[in-house]
């Protein structure tokens, strides 16, 4: 079993920044696609960013390109989401996710992250952006 614990959420004004962190523990697979989803109550989950522990090009949802950056610390088993120039529409619960069998080619090809492909989810951390 893989455990994911997010931290770093909070409330900021529009234009501000936040850095989300996700610590991975438990069973260790050889590799992962790590990522972040977000969700508003009553809405579908939206894949925000993803990256492979093998390296390579990260994926970003069009709405966050140029503002969000996903990075890995493989030595510490952590993934980060640096969020800048935050907008009120970024307000959501943010979930860290892990897929030990997936490949970034699929995400880049579809230009979206399929939540059903990610086996492991954290509990979420709330991000609230006020105007």
N, C-alpha and C. Protein backbone atom coordinates (compact mmCIF):
# COMPACT_ATOMS: atom_id res chain seq x y z
N UNK A 1 0.84 -1.18 0.00
CA UNK A 1 0.00 0.00 0.00
C UNK A 1 0.88 1.24 0.00
N UNK A 2 0.50 2.21 -0.79
CA UNK A 2 1.22 3.47 -0.87
C UNK A 2 0.40 4.53 -0.14
N UNK A 3 1.06 5.30 0.69
CA UNK A 3 0.39 6.37 1.44
C UNK A 3 0.89 7.72 0.95
N UNK A 4 -0.05 8.63 0.75
CA UNK A 4 0.27 9.97 0.29
C UNK A 4 -0.32 10.98 1.27
N UNK A 5 0.50 11.92 1.70
CA UNK A 5 0.06 12.94 2.64
C UNK A 5 0.42 14.31 2.10
N UNK A 6 -0.61 15.13 1.87
CA UNK A 6 -0.40 16.46 1.34
C UNK A 6 -0.27 17.49 2.46
N UNK A 7 0.40 18.59 2.16
CA UNK A 7 0.47 19.73 3.06
C UNK A 7 0.71 20.98 2.23
N UNK A 8 0.51 22.14 2.86
CA UNK A 8 0.84 23.39 2.20
C UNK A 8 -0.34 24.18 1.68
N UNK A 9 -1.55 23.66 1.81
CA UNK A 9 -2.70 24.42 1.37
C UNK A 9 -2.96 25.60 2.28
N UNK A 10 -3.89 26.45 1.89
CA UNK A 10 -4.24 27.60 2.71
C UNK A 10 -5.05 28.60 1.93
N UNK A 11 -5.14 29.80 2.49
CA UNK A 11 -5.91 30.88 1.87
C UNK A 11 -4.98 32.00 1.46
N UNK A 12 -5.13 32.46 0.23
CA UNK A 12 -4.31 33.56 -0.27
C UNK A 12 -5.18 34.47 -1.11
N UNK A 13 -4.68 35.66 -1.34
CA UNK A 13 -5.37 36.58 -2.25
C UNK A 13 -4.93 36.31 -3.68
N UNK A 14 -5.75 36.72 -4.60
CA UNK A 14 -5.43 36.57 -6.02
C UNK A 14 -4.07 37.20 -6.30
N UNK A 15 -3.29 36.49 -7.12
CA UNK A 15 -1.94 36.94 -7.42
C UNK A 15 -0.89 36.37 -6.50
N UNK A 16 -1.31 35.74 -5.42
CA UNK A 16 -0.38 35.17 -4.46
C UNK A 16 0.13 33.81 -4.89
N UNK A 17 0.93 33.20 -4.03
CA UNK A 17 1.57 31.92 -4.32
C UNK A 17 1.40 30.96 -3.14
N UNK A 18 1.40 29.68 -3.48
CA UNK A 18 1.41 28.61 -2.48
C UNK A 18 2.25 27.47 -3.03
N UNK A 19 2.82 26.70 -2.12
CA UNK A 19 3.57 25.51 -2.51
C UNK A 19 2.98 24.31 -1.79
N UNK A 20 2.43 23.39 -2.56
CA UNK A 20 1.90 22.16 -2.00
C UNK A 20 2.99 21.10 -1.99
N UNK A 21 2.98 20.30 -0.93
CA UNK A 21 3.93 19.19 -0.81
C UNK A 21 3.16 17.90 -0.62
N UNK A 22 3.76 16.82 -1.08
CA UNK A 22 3.16 15.49 -0.91
C UNK A 22 4.27 14.51 -0.57
N UNK A 23 4.11 13.85 0.57
CA UNK A 23 5.08 12.85 1.00
C UNK A 23 4.53 11.46 0.74
N UNK A 24 5.33 10.63 0.10
CA UNK A 24 4.93 9.26 -0.24
C UNK A 24 5.64 8.28 0.69
N UNK A 25 4.89 7.31 1.20
CA UNK A 25 5.48 6.29 2.06
C UNK A 25 4.77 4.98 1.82
N UNK A 26 5.22 3.95 2.52
CA UNK A 26 4.64 2.63 2.37
C UNK A 26 5.40 1.81 1.35
N UNK A 27 4.69 0.97 0.63
CA UNK A 27 5.32 0.09 -0.35
C UNK A 27 5.99 0.92 -1.44
N UNK A 28 7.16 0.48 -1.87
CA UNK A 28 7.91 1.21 -2.89
C UNK A 28 7.91 0.45 -4.20
N UNK A 29 7.38 1.08 -5.23
CA UNK A 29 7.42 0.54 -6.59
C UNK A 29 8.67 1.07 -7.29
N UNK A 30 9.07 0.45 -8.39
CA UNK A 30 10.27 0.92 -9.10
C UNK A 30 10.13 2.34 -9.65
N UNK A 31 8.92 2.73 -10.03
CA UNK A 31 8.71 4.02 -10.65
C UNK A 31 7.26 4.43 -10.47
N UNK A 32 6.98 5.70 -10.67
CA UNK A 32 5.61 6.23 -10.54
C UNK A 32 5.40 7.35 -11.55
N UNK A 33 4.16 7.54 -11.89
CA UNK A 33 3.70 8.84 -12.37
C UNK A 33 3.04 9.50 -11.16
N UNK A 34 3.57 10.64 -10.77
CA UNK A 34 3.03 11.41 -9.65
C UNK A 34 2.28 12.61 -10.18
N UNK A 35 1.26 13.04 -9.48
CA UNK A 35 0.52 14.18 -9.99
C UNK A 35 -0.36 14.82 -8.95
N UNK A 36 -1.11 15.81 -9.43
CA UNK A 36 -2.06 16.55 -8.60
C UNK A 36 -3.38 16.68 -9.37
N UNK A 37 -4.46 16.39 -8.65
CA UNK A 37 -5.81 16.67 -9.13
C UNK A 37 -6.40 17.75 -8.23
N UNK A 38 -7.44 18.38 -8.72
CA UNK A 38 -8.21 19.29 -7.87
C UNK A 38 -9.69 19.06 -8.12
N UNK A 39 -10.47 19.43 -7.11
CA UNK A 39 -11.90 19.18 -7.20
C UNK A 39 -12.67 20.17 -6.35
N UNK A 40 -13.74 20.71 -6.92
CA UNK A 40 -14.70 21.50 -6.18
C UNK A 40 -15.88 20.61 -5.83
N UNK A 41 -16.58 20.89 -4.73
CA UNK A 41 -17.76 20.09 -4.39
C UNK A 41 -18.76 20.06 -5.54
N UNK A 42 -19.20 18.86 -5.90
CA UNK A 42 -20.18 18.72 -6.95
C UNK A 42 -19.60 18.75 -8.35
N UNK A 43 -18.28 18.87 -8.44
CA UNK A 43 -17.63 18.92 -9.74
C UNK A 43 -16.74 17.70 -9.95
N UNK A 44 -16.39 17.46 -11.19
CA UNK A 44 -15.48 16.35 -11.49
C UNK A 44 -14.05 16.72 -11.10
N UNK A 45 -13.28 15.70 -10.85
CA UNK A 45 -11.87 15.92 -10.56
C UNK A 45 -11.14 16.34 -11.83
N UNK A 46 -10.22 17.26 -11.67
CA UNK A 46 -9.49 17.83 -12.81
C UNK A 46 -8.00 17.60 -12.59
N UNK A 47 -7.36 16.96 -13.55
CA UNK A 47 -5.93 16.73 -13.46
C UNK A 47 -5.17 18.02 -13.74
N UNK A 48 -4.35 18.43 -12.79
CA UNK A 48 -3.66 19.71 -12.87
C UNK A 48 -2.26 19.55 -13.44
N UNK A 49 -1.50 18.59 -12.92
CA UNK A 49 -0.11 18.43 -13.34
C UNK A 49 0.34 17.00 -13.03
N UNK A 50 1.29 16.51 -13.82
CA UNK A 50 1.83 15.17 -13.60
C UNK A 50 3.27 15.12 -14.05
N UNK A 51 4.02 14.20 -13.43
CA UNK A 51 5.43 14.04 -13.78
C UNK A 51 5.83 12.62 -13.43
N UNK A 52 6.79 12.09 -14.18
CA UNK A 52 7.26 10.73 -13.92
C UNK A 52 8.53 10.75 -13.08
N UNK A 53 8.67 9.77 -12.20
CA UNK A 53 9.91 9.66 -11.43
C UNK A 53 11.08 9.27 -12.32
N UNK A 54 10.81 8.84 -13.55
CA UNK A 54 11.86 8.56 -14.54
C UNK A 54 12.42 9.83 -15.17
N UNK A 55 11.77 10.95 -14.93
CA UNK A 55 12.16 12.20 -15.57
C UNK A 55 11.32 12.46 -16.80
N UNK A 56 11.74 13.41 -17.62
CA UNK A 56 11.00 13.71 -18.82
C UNK A 56 10.08 14.91 -18.64
N UNK A 57 9.30 15.15 -19.68
CA UNK A 57 8.46 16.35 -19.72
C UNK A 57 7.24 16.19 -18.83
N UNK A 58 6.97 17.21 -18.04
CA UNK A 58 5.78 17.22 -17.20
C UNK A 58 4.56 17.59 -18.01
N UNK A 59 3.40 17.24 -17.48
CA UNK A 59 2.12 17.62 -18.08
C UNK A 59 1.47 18.68 -17.21
N UNK A 60 0.81 19.65 -17.87
CA UNK A 60 0.04 20.66 -17.16
C UNK A 60 -1.30 20.86 -17.86
N UNK A 61 -2.34 21.02 -17.06
CA UNK A 61 -3.62 21.42 -17.60
C UNK A 61 -3.47 22.82 -18.20
N UNK A 62 -4.18 23.07 -19.28
CA UNK A 62 -4.04 24.36 -19.96
C UNK A 62 -4.28 25.54 -19.02
N UNK A 63 -5.16 25.37 -18.06
CA UNK A 63 -5.54 26.49 -17.19
C UNK A 63 -4.43 26.90 -16.23
N UNK A 64 -3.41 26.05 -16.06
CA UNK A 64 -2.35 26.37 -15.10
C UNK A 64 -0.99 26.52 -15.75
N UNK A 65 -0.90 26.33 -17.05
CA UNK A 65 0.39 26.45 -17.74
C UNK A 65 0.98 27.84 -17.53
N UNK A 66 2.27 27.86 -17.22
CA UNK A 66 2.94 29.12 -16.97
C UNK A 66 2.78 29.64 -15.56
N UNK A 67 1.91 29.03 -14.76
CA UNK A 67 1.68 29.49 -13.39
C UNK A 67 2.06 28.41 -12.36
N UNK A 68 1.84 27.16 -12.68
CA UNK A 68 2.12 26.06 -11.76
C UNK A 68 3.34 25.28 -12.25
N UNK A 69 4.11 24.75 -11.30
CA UNK A 69 5.26 23.92 -11.63
C UNK A 69 5.28 22.71 -10.71
N UNK A 70 5.35 21.52 -11.31
CA UNK A 70 5.44 20.29 -10.54
C UNK A 70 6.89 19.82 -10.54
N UNK A 71 7.37 19.44 -9.35
CA UNK A 71 8.74 18.96 -9.22
C UNK A 71 8.77 17.75 -8.29
N UNK A 72 9.85 16.99 -8.40
CA UNK A 72 10.04 15.79 -7.60
C UNK A 72 11.31 15.90 -6.76
N UNK A 73 11.29 15.27 -5.61
CA UNK A 73 12.49 14.98 -4.86
C UNK A 73 12.49 13.48 -4.63
N UNK A 74 13.12 12.76 -5.56
CA UNK A 74 13.05 11.29 -5.49
C UNK A 74 13.76 10.75 -4.25
N UNK A 75 14.78 11.44 -3.80
CA UNK A 75 15.50 10.98 -2.61
C UNK A 75 14.61 11.04 -1.37
N UNK A 76 13.73 12.03 -1.33
CA UNK A 76 12.86 12.21 -0.18
C UNK A 76 11.46 11.64 -0.42
N UNK A 77 11.23 11.07 -1.62
CA UNK A 77 9.90 10.55 -1.97
C UNK A 77 8.83 11.62 -1.84
N UNK A 78 9.12 12.78 -2.40
CA UNK A 78 8.17 13.88 -2.32
C UNK A 78 7.91 14.46 -3.71
N UNK A 79 6.72 15.02 -3.85
CA UNK A 79 6.36 15.76 -5.05
C UNK A 79 5.79 17.10 -4.60
N UNK A 80 6.10 18.14 -5.36
CA UNK A 80 5.68 19.48 -5.01
C UNK A 80 4.88 20.11 -6.15
N UNK A 81 4.02 21.03 -5.78
CA UNK A 81 3.31 21.83 -6.77
C UNK A 81 3.45 23.29 -6.36
N UNK A 82 4.32 24.00 -7.08
CA UNK A 82 4.48 25.43 -6.84
C UNK A 82 3.44 26.17 -7.66
N UNK A 83 2.61 26.94 -6.97
CA UNK A 83 1.51 27.65 -7.62
C UNK A 83 1.74 29.15 -7.48
N UNK A 84 1.82 29.85 -8.59
CA UNK A 84 2.02 31.29 -8.58
C UNK A 84 0.88 31.98 -9.33
N UNK A 85 0.78 33.29 -9.13
CA UNK A 85 -0.27 34.07 -9.78
C UNK A 85 -1.62 33.38 -9.64
N UNK A 86 -1.95 33.00 -8.43
CA UNK A 86 -3.17 32.26 -8.18
C UNK A 86 -4.40 33.09 -8.47
N UNK A 87 -5.43 32.41 -8.96
CA UNK A 87 -6.68 33.05 -9.33
C UNK A 87 -7.82 32.45 -8.52
N UNK A 88 -8.92 33.18 -8.33
CA UNK A 88 -10.04 32.62 -7.57
C UNK A 88 -10.53 31.28 -8.14
N UNK A 89 -10.43 31.10 -9.44
CA UNK A 89 -10.86 29.83 -10.04
C UNK A 89 -9.94 28.66 -9.73
N UNK A 90 -8.80 28.93 -9.09
CA UNK A 90 -7.93 27.85 -8.62
C UNK A 90 -8.40 27.28 -7.29
N UNK A 91 -9.38 27.92 -6.68
CA UNK A 91 -9.91 27.44 -5.40
C UNK A 91 -10.47 26.04 -5.56
N UNK A 92 -9.98 25.11 -4.74
CA UNK A 92 -10.41 23.71 -4.81
C UNK A 92 -9.69 22.91 -3.74
N UNK A 93 -10.12 21.66 -3.58
CA UNK A 93 -9.36 20.70 -2.80
C UNK A 93 -8.35 20.07 -3.75
N UNK A 94 -7.10 20.05 -3.34
CA UNK A 94 -6.03 19.51 -4.18
C UNK A 94 -5.58 18.16 -3.63
N UNK A 95 -5.50 17.17 -4.53
CA UNK A 95 -5.16 15.82 -4.14
C UNK A 95 -3.86 15.39 -4.82
N UNK A 96 -2.98 14.80 -4.03
CA UNK A 96 -1.77 14.19 -4.57
C UNK A 96 -2.13 12.77 -5.00
N UNK A 97 -1.58 12.35 -6.14
CA UNK A 97 -1.90 11.02 -6.68
C UNK A 97 -0.64 10.32 -7.15
N UNK A 98 -0.72 8.99 -7.20
CA UNK A 98 0.41 8.19 -7.67
C UNK A 98 -0.10 7.02 -8.50
N UNK A 99 0.60 6.76 -9.60
CA UNK A 99 0.27 5.62 -10.46
C UNK A 99 1.57 4.86 -10.70
N UNK A 100 1.70 3.65 -10.15
CA UNK A 100 2.96 2.91 -10.30
C UNK A 100 3.08 2.16 -11.63
N UNK A 101 2.04 2.19 -12.45
CA UNK A 101 2.08 1.42 -13.70
C UNK A 101 1.88 2.28 -14.94
N UNK A 102 1.61 3.54 -14.78
CA UNK A 102 1.31 4.40 -15.92
C UNK A 102 2.52 5.00 -16.59
N UNK A 103 2.27 5.64 -17.71
CA UNK A 103 3.34 6.28 -18.49
C UNK A 103 2.88 7.68 -18.91
N UNK A 104 3.82 8.58 -18.96
CA UNK A 104 3.50 9.97 -19.32
C UNK A 104 3.04 10.07 -20.77
N UNK A 105 3.46 9.15 -21.63
CA UNK A 105 3.04 9.21 -23.04
C UNK A 105 1.52 9.22 -23.16
N UNK A 106 0.87 8.42 -22.32
CA UNK A 106 -0.59 8.37 -22.38
C UNK A 106 -1.22 9.70 -22.01
N UNK A 107 -0.69 10.32 -20.97
CA UNK A 107 -1.22 11.61 -20.53
C UNK A 107 -0.98 12.68 -21.59
N UNK A 108 0.23 12.73 -22.12
CA UNK A 108 0.53 13.72 -23.16
C UNK A 108 -0.31 13.47 -24.41
N UNK A 109 -0.53 12.21 -24.75
CA UNK A 109 -1.31 11.89 -25.94
C UNK A 109 -2.76 12.31 -25.81
N UNK A 110 -3.34 12.08 -24.63
CA UNK A 110 -4.73 12.45 -24.39
C UNK A 110 -4.88 13.91 -24.00
N UNK A 111 -3.77 14.51 -23.59
CA UNK A 111 -3.76 15.88 -23.10
C UNK A 111 -4.67 16.04 -21.89
N UNK A 112 -4.77 14.98 -21.11
CA UNK A 112 -5.53 15.05 -19.86
C UNK A 112 -5.09 13.90 -18.97
N UNK A 113 -5.39 14.05 -17.69
CA UNK A 113 -5.11 13.00 -16.72
C UNK A 113 -6.41 12.29 -16.39
N UNK A 114 -6.42 10.99 -16.53
CA UNK A 114 -7.60 10.19 -16.22
C UNK A 114 -7.53 9.77 -14.75
N UNK A 115 -8.46 10.24 -13.93
CA UNK A 115 -8.38 9.90 -12.50
C UNK A 115 -8.42 8.40 -12.24
N UNK A 116 -9.03 7.63 -13.11
CA UNK A 116 -9.12 6.18 -12.91
C UNK A 116 -7.77 5.49 -13.08
N UNK A 117 -6.81 6.18 -13.70
CA UNK A 117 -5.48 5.59 -13.89
C UNK A 117 -4.63 5.69 -12.64
N UNK A 118 -5.03 6.49 -11.68
CA UNK A 118 -4.21 6.72 -10.50
C UNK A 118 -4.75 5.89 -9.34
N UNK A 119 -3.91 4.95 -8.88
CA UNK A 119 -4.34 3.98 -7.88
C UNK A 119 -4.35 4.55 -6.47
N UNK A 120 -3.49 5.52 -6.21
CA UNK A 120 -3.32 6.01 -4.86
C UNK A 120 -3.60 7.51 -4.78
N UNK A 121 -4.35 7.88 -3.73
CA UNK A 121 -4.77 9.26 -3.54
C UNK A 121 -4.51 9.67 -2.10
N UNK A 122 -4.09 10.94 -1.93
CA UNK A 122 -4.00 11.49 -0.60
C UNK A 122 -5.36 11.98 -0.14
N UNK A 123 -5.40 12.52 1.08
CA UNK A 123 -6.65 13.01 1.66
C UNK A 123 -7.04 14.38 1.14
N UNK A 124 -6.10 15.10 0.58
CA UNK A 124 -6.40 16.40 0.03
C UNK A 124 -6.00 17.54 0.93
N UNK A 125 -5.73 18.68 0.31
CA UNK A 125 -5.44 19.91 1.04
C UNK A 125 -6.17 21.05 0.35
N UNK A 126 -6.82 21.90 1.14
CA UNK A 126 -7.68 22.94 0.58
C UNK A 126 -6.86 24.16 0.18
N UNK A 127 -7.15 24.67 -1.01
CA UNK A 127 -6.57 25.92 -1.48
C UNK A 127 -7.73 26.88 -1.76
N UNK A 128 -7.68 28.05 -1.14
CA UNK A 128 -8.73 29.05 -1.32
C UNK A 128 -8.08 30.36 -1.75
N UNK A 129 -8.53 30.88 -2.89
CA UNK A 129 -7.98 32.12 -3.43
C UNK A 129 -9.10 33.15 -3.47
N UNK A 130 -8.90 34.24 -2.78
CA UNK A 130 -9.91 35.30 -2.72
C UNK A 130 -9.55 36.43 -3.68
N UNK A 131 -10.57 37.08 -4.19
CA UNK A 131 -10.36 38.15 -5.17
C UNK A 131 -10.15 39.48 -4.46
